[in-house]
């Protein structure tokens, strides 16, 4: 079993989950948006849940949804999903030396559950394939911890989006799902006082300048936040990457 006690007992498993937790909010936000988008596009709740559990590929899901609704031929939908996910062929080729010592079913399981950020975190942590048995176990545990966190955050929030989609007024449209996604991503990035201040300034400016045409309030919000925070950084010597003291 790929999630056996021998894998979970490795310290690298907890490290993998901890490292991936830094982007779990953004992953969950993307899942939430995808869940809402599927139902708002006309799919039934059952169809949306089945697609979430079986496909597990946000970009392919979003690409396939309009084709499914339009009644496109199956080969067109499959070809679209294949093209969107071609990057995983490159990922698989790179990960092949790391996983070739495993049985085929385990390699396929790891391949199915490995997502973009999982690949990025794993290859950044391990630049070389394992050299001995201890390193093989450590690398597999870290990879498994990575994608367990990703899978849980994606599935939980995607299913929540599906359940809540019918509560969102149709007049709000899919743009509301995108707003939810961006808010969650921004919240996950606000890790210092200066970044929190930048978010507050941008939000306040966007609301104050809402009457501007062509959504120029967004441009104004970005400009004011950048300039003001840049001035504060230089004036008071603030470090934009310094974590808050706790």
Protein backbone atom coordinates (compact mmCIF):
# COMPACT_ATOMS: atom_id res chain seq x y z
CA UNK A 1 0.00 0.00 0.00
CA UNK A 2 1.51 3.35 -1.08
CA UNK A 3 0.24 5.00 2.16
CA UNK A 4 1.35 2.19 4.46
CA UNK A 5 2.59 2.73 8.00
CA UNK A 6 6.17 2.30 6.80
CA UNK A 7 5.72 5.34 4.55
CA UNK A 8 3.83 7.44 7.10
CA UNK A 9 6.36 6.68 9.84
CA UNK A 10 9.19 8.24 7.82
CA UNK A 11 10.01 11.80 8.99
CA UNK A 12 10.13 12.85 5.33
CA UNK A 13 6.39 12.16 5.03
CA UNK A 14 5.59 14.86 7.60
CA UNK A 15 8.15 17.16 5.98
CA UNK A 16 6.48 16.71 2.61
CA UNK A 17 3.07 17.57 4.04
CA UNK A 18 4.50 20.56 5.89
CA UNK A 19 6.26 21.92 2.81
CA UNK A 20 3.17 21.52 0.66
CA UNK A 21 0.95 23.19 3.27
CA UNK A 22 2.51 26.51 2.23
CA UNK A 23 0.59 26.36 -1.06
CA UNK A 24 -2.39 24.28 0.10
CA UNK A 25 -4.64 27.33 0.41
CA UNK A 26 -4.01 28.29 -3.20
CA UNK A 27 -4.58 24.71 -4.33
CA UNK A 28 -7.81 24.54 -2.36
CA UNK A 29 -8.96 27.86 -3.82
CA UNK A 30 -8.39 26.56 -7.33
CA UNK A 31 -10.35 23.43 -6.42
CA UNK A 32 -13.19 25.52 -5.01
CA UNK A 33 -13.37 27.57 -8.21
CA UNK A 34 -13.34 24.43 -10.35
CA UNK A 35 -16.12 22.85 -8.31
CA UNK A 36 -18.32 25.93 -8.67
CA UNK A 37 -17.49 26.24 -12.37
CA UNK A 38 -18.54 22.67 -13.14
CA UNK A 39 -22.00 23.07 -11.63
CA UNK A 40 -22.50 26.60 -12.98
CA UNK A 41 -21.66 25.33 -16.46
CA UNK A 42 -24.64 22.99 -16.39
CA UNK A 43 -23.22 19.74 -15.07
CA UNK A 44 -25.25 17.87 -12.48
CA UNK A 45 -23.90 17.50 -8.95
CA UNK A 46 -23.33 13.79 -9.58
CA UNK A 47 -21.40 14.46 -12.79
CA UNK A 48 -19.30 17.14 -11.12
CA UNK A 49 -18.44 14.89 -8.18
CA UNK A 50 -17.57 11.99 -10.50
CA UNK A 51 -15.32 14.23 -12.60
CA UNK A 52 -13.58 15.58 -9.51
CA UNK A 53 -12.89 12.14 -8.05
CA UNK A 54 -11.86 10.45 -11.29
CA UNK A 55 -10.11 13.11 -13.37
CA UNK A 56 -8.19 15.03 -10.67
CA UNK A 57 -6.78 17.61 -13.07
CA UNK A 58 -8.03 21.16 -12.70
CA UNK A 59 -6.79 22.55 -16.01
CA UNK A 60 -8.15 19.59 -17.96
CA UNK A 61 -11.46 19.77 -16.13
CA UNK A 62 -11.91 23.44 -16.95
CA UNK A 63 -10.90 22.81 -20.58
CA UNK A 64 -13.30 19.88 -20.93
CA UNK A 65 -16.34 21.48 -19.30
CA UNK A 66 -17.42 23.70 -22.25
CA UNK A 67 -16.80 20.82 -24.66
CA UNK A 68 -18.98 18.47 -22.61
CA UNK A 69 -21.77 21.03 -22.39
CA UNK A 70 -21.55 21.69 -26.14
CA UNK A 71 -21.84 17.97 -26.90
CA UNK A 72 -18.43 17.71 -28.56
CA UNK A 73 -17.27 14.25 -29.70
CA UNK A 74 -15.43 12.18 -27.11
CA UNK A 75 -12.21 12.21 -29.12
CA UNK A 76 -12.17 16.01 -29.12
CA UNK A 77 -12.59 16.12 -25.34
CA UNK A 78 -9.89 13.48 -24.83
CA UNK A 79 -7.51 15.21 -27.23
CA UNK A 80 -8.03 18.51 -25.43
CA UNK A 81 -7.30 16.95 -22.06
CA UNK A 82 -4.23 15.23 -23.50
CA UNK A 83 -2.82 18.47 -24.89
CA UNK A 84 -3.50 20.41 -21.70
CA UNK A 85 -1.68 17.79 -19.62
CA UNK A 86 1.27 17.18 -21.93
CA UNK A 87 3.54 18.72 -19.30
CA UNK A 88 3.09 15.58 -17.20
CA UNK A 89 4.91 13.59 -19.85
CA UNK A 90 7.96 15.74 -19.13
CA UNK A 91 7.42 15.35 -15.39
CA UNK A 92 7.18 11.57 -15.76
CA UNK A 93 10.38 11.35 -17.79
CA UNK A 94 12.22 13.34 -15.15
CA UNK A 95 10.81 11.26 -12.28
CA UNK A 96 11.45 7.92 -14.00
CA UNK A 97 14.91 7.34 -12.42
CA UNK A 98 13.44 8.10 -8.99
CA UNK A 99 10.61 5.56 -9.26
CA UNK A 100 11.82 2.76 -11.53
CA UNK A 101 12.73 0.51 -8.61
CA UNK A 102 9.05 0.31 -7.60
CA UNK A 103 6.39 -2.11 -8.90
CA UNK A 104 4.38 -0.81 -11.83
CA UNK A 105 1.16 -0.29 -9.85
CA UNK A 106 3.02 1.89 -7.37
CA UNK A 107 4.62 3.95 -10.11
CA UNK A 108 1.22 4.48 -11.70
CA UNK A 109 -0.30 5.49 -8.36
CA UNK A 110 2.44 8.01 -7.70
CA UNK A 111 2.14 9.30 -11.25
CA UNK A 112 -1.62 9.76 -10.97
CA UNK A 113 -1.40 11.65 -7.68
CA UNK A 114 1.62 13.81 -8.50
CA UNK A 115 0.57 17.36 -9.39
CA UNK A 116 2.51 20.39 -10.62
CA UNK A 117 3.54 21.69 -7.21
CA UNK A 118 4.30 18.18 -5.97
CA UNK A 119 6.76 17.76 -8.81
CA UNK A 120 8.27 21.18 -8.15
CA UNK A 121 8.76 20.62 -4.43
CA UNK A 122 10.07 17.07 -4.87
CA UNK A 123 12.65 17.87 -7.54
CA UNK A 124 13.80 20.93 -5.62
CA UNK A 125 14.34 18.79 -2.52
CA UNK A 126 15.95 15.83 -4.32
CA UNK A 127 18.17 16.72 -7.24
CA UNK A 128 19.43 13.15 -7.70
CA UNK A 129 17.69 9.73 -7.74
CA UNK A 130 18.08 7.57 -4.62
CA UNK A 131 21.42 5.83 -4.13
CA UNK A 132 20.43 3.25 -1.47
CA UNK A 133 17.39 1.69 0.19
CA UNK A 134 17.18 4.27 2.96
CA UNK A 135 17.14 7.10 0.45
CA UNK A 136 14.53 5.31 -1.67
CA UNK A 137 12.19 5.13 1.31
CA UNK A 138 12.89 8.74 2.28
CA UNK A 139 12.20 10.08 -1.20
CA UNK A 140 9.00 8.08 -1.60
CA UNK A 141 7.79 9.25 1.82
CA UNK A 142 8.44 12.90 0.95
CA UNK A 143 6.69 12.56 -2.42
CA UNK A 144 3.72 10.85 -0.77
CA UNK A 145 3.44 13.50 1.94
CA UNK A 146 3.53 16.18 -0.76
CA UNK A 147 0.71 14.83 -2.84
CA UNK A 148 -1.40 13.75 0.14
CA UNK A 149 -1.61 17.38 1.22
CA UNK A 150 -2.35 18.49 -2.35
CA UNK A 151 -4.99 15.79 -2.90
CA UNK A 152 -6.78 16.50 0.38
CA UNK A 153 -6.89 20.26 -0.11
CA UNK A 154 -8.02 19.93 -3.74
CA UNK A 155 -10.71 17.32 -3.12
CA UNK A 156 -12.13 18.93 0.01
CA UNK A 157 -12.46 22.38 -1.55
CA UNK A 158 -13.60 21.13 -4.95
CA UNK A 159 -16.38 19.09 -3.35
CA UNK A 160 -17.27 22.10 -1.18
CA UNK A 161 -17.50 24.23 -4.32
CA UNK A 162 -19.83 21.68 -5.91
CA UNK A 163 -22.07 21.63 -2.82
CA UNK A 164 -22.21 25.44 -2.55
CA UNK A 165 -22.51 26.23 -6.26
CA UNK A 166 -26.32 26.16 -6.27
CA UNK A 167 -26.39 28.66 -3.41
CA UNK A 168 -24.58 31.24 -5.54
CA UNK A 169 -27.02 33.38 -7.60
CA UNK A 170 -26.78 32.75 -11.34
CA UNK A 171 -26.43 36.49 -11.91
CA UNK A 172 -23.03 36.40 -10.19
CA UNK A 173 -21.67 34.18 -12.95
CA UNK A 174 -18.41 32.27 -12.99
CA UNK A 175 -16.50 35.45 -12.31
CA UNK A 176 -17.50 35.10 -8.67
CA UNK A 177 -15.70 31.73 -8.53
CA UNK A 178 -12.59 33.41 -9.86
CA UNK A 179 -12.86 36.09 -7.18
CA UNK A 180 -13.05 33.42 -4.50
CA UNK A 181 -9.96 31.76 -5.90
CA UNK A 182 -7.97 34.98 -6.03
CA UNK A 183 -9.00 36.02 -2.52
CA UNK A 184 -7.83 32.69 -1.11
CA UNK A 185 -4.55 32.83 -3.04
CA UNK A 186 -3.90 36.39 -1.84
CA UNK A 187 -4.65 35.40 1.76
CA UNK A 188 -2.14 32.56 1.54
CA UNK A 189 0.53 35.03 0.39
CA UNK A 190 -0.07 37.63 3.11
CA UNK A 191 2.59 36.36 5.52
CA UNK A 192 4.23 39.63 6.67
CA UNK A 193 3.01 42.96 8.01
CA UNK A 194 4.11 44.81 4.88
CA UNK A 195 2.25 42.40 2.61
CA UNK A 196 -0.84 42.69 4.79
CA UNK A 197 -0.60 46.46 4.54
CA UNK A 198 -0.23 46.22 0.75
CA UNK A 199 -3.38 44.10 0.53
CA UNK A 200 -5.35 46.53 2.70
CA UNK A 201 -4.17 49.55 0.71
CA UNK A 202 -4.99 47.88 -2.60
CA UNK A 203 -8.42 46.81 -1.38
CA UNK A 204 -9.30 50.22 0.00
CA UNK A 205 -8.11 51.98 -3.17
CA UNK A 206 -10.07 49.61 -5.41
CA UNK A 207 -13.26 50.31 -3.46
CA UNK A 208 -12.67 54.08 -3.33
CA UNK A 209 -11.99 54.24 -7.07
CA UNK A 210 -14.79 51.88 -8.05
CA UNK A 211 -16.51 54.54 -10.18
CA UNK A 212 -13.60 54.71 -12.64
CA UNK A 213 -14.45 53.34 -16.11
CA UNK A 214 -12.97 50.23 -17.70
CA UNK A 215 -12.18 48.82 -14.25
CA UNK A 216 -9.30 51.23 -13.92
CA UNK A 217 -9.86 51.04 -10.15
CA UNK A 218 -7.89 47.78 -10.25
CA UNK A 219 -4.97 49.49 -11.99
CA UNK A 220 -5.16 52.35 -9.50
CA UNK A 221 -5.20 49.92 -6.57
CA UNK A 222 -2.07 48.15 -7.82
CA UNK A 223 -0.24 51.41 -8.47
CA UNK A 224 -1.09 53.01 -5.12
CA UNK A 225 -0.24 49.86 -3.14
CA UNK A 226 3.10 49.38 -4.91
CA UNK A 227 4.18 53.01 -4.63
CA UNK A 228 3.09 53.49 -1.04
CA UNK A 229 4.61 50.23 0.19
CA UNK A 230 7.81 50.94 -1.72
CA UNK A 231 8.02 54.33 0.02
CA UNK A 232 7.36 52.72 3.42
CA UNK A 233 10.00 50.08 2.75
CA UNK A 234 12.62 52.73 1.92
CA UNK A 235 11.52 55.24 4.57
CA UNK A 236 11.42 52.85 7.52
CA UNK A 237 13.77 50.11 6.27
CA UNK A 238 11.06 47.45 6.25
CA UNK A 239 11.94 44.03 4.88
CA UNK A 240 9.11 42.78 2.63
CA UNK A 241 10.12 39.16 3.24
CA UNK A 242 10.59 39.37 7.00
CA UNK A 243 8.15 37.14 8.84
CA UNK A 244 6.07 38.61 11.63
CA UNK A 245 7.49 38.14 15.13
CA UNK A 246 5.36 35.74 17.08
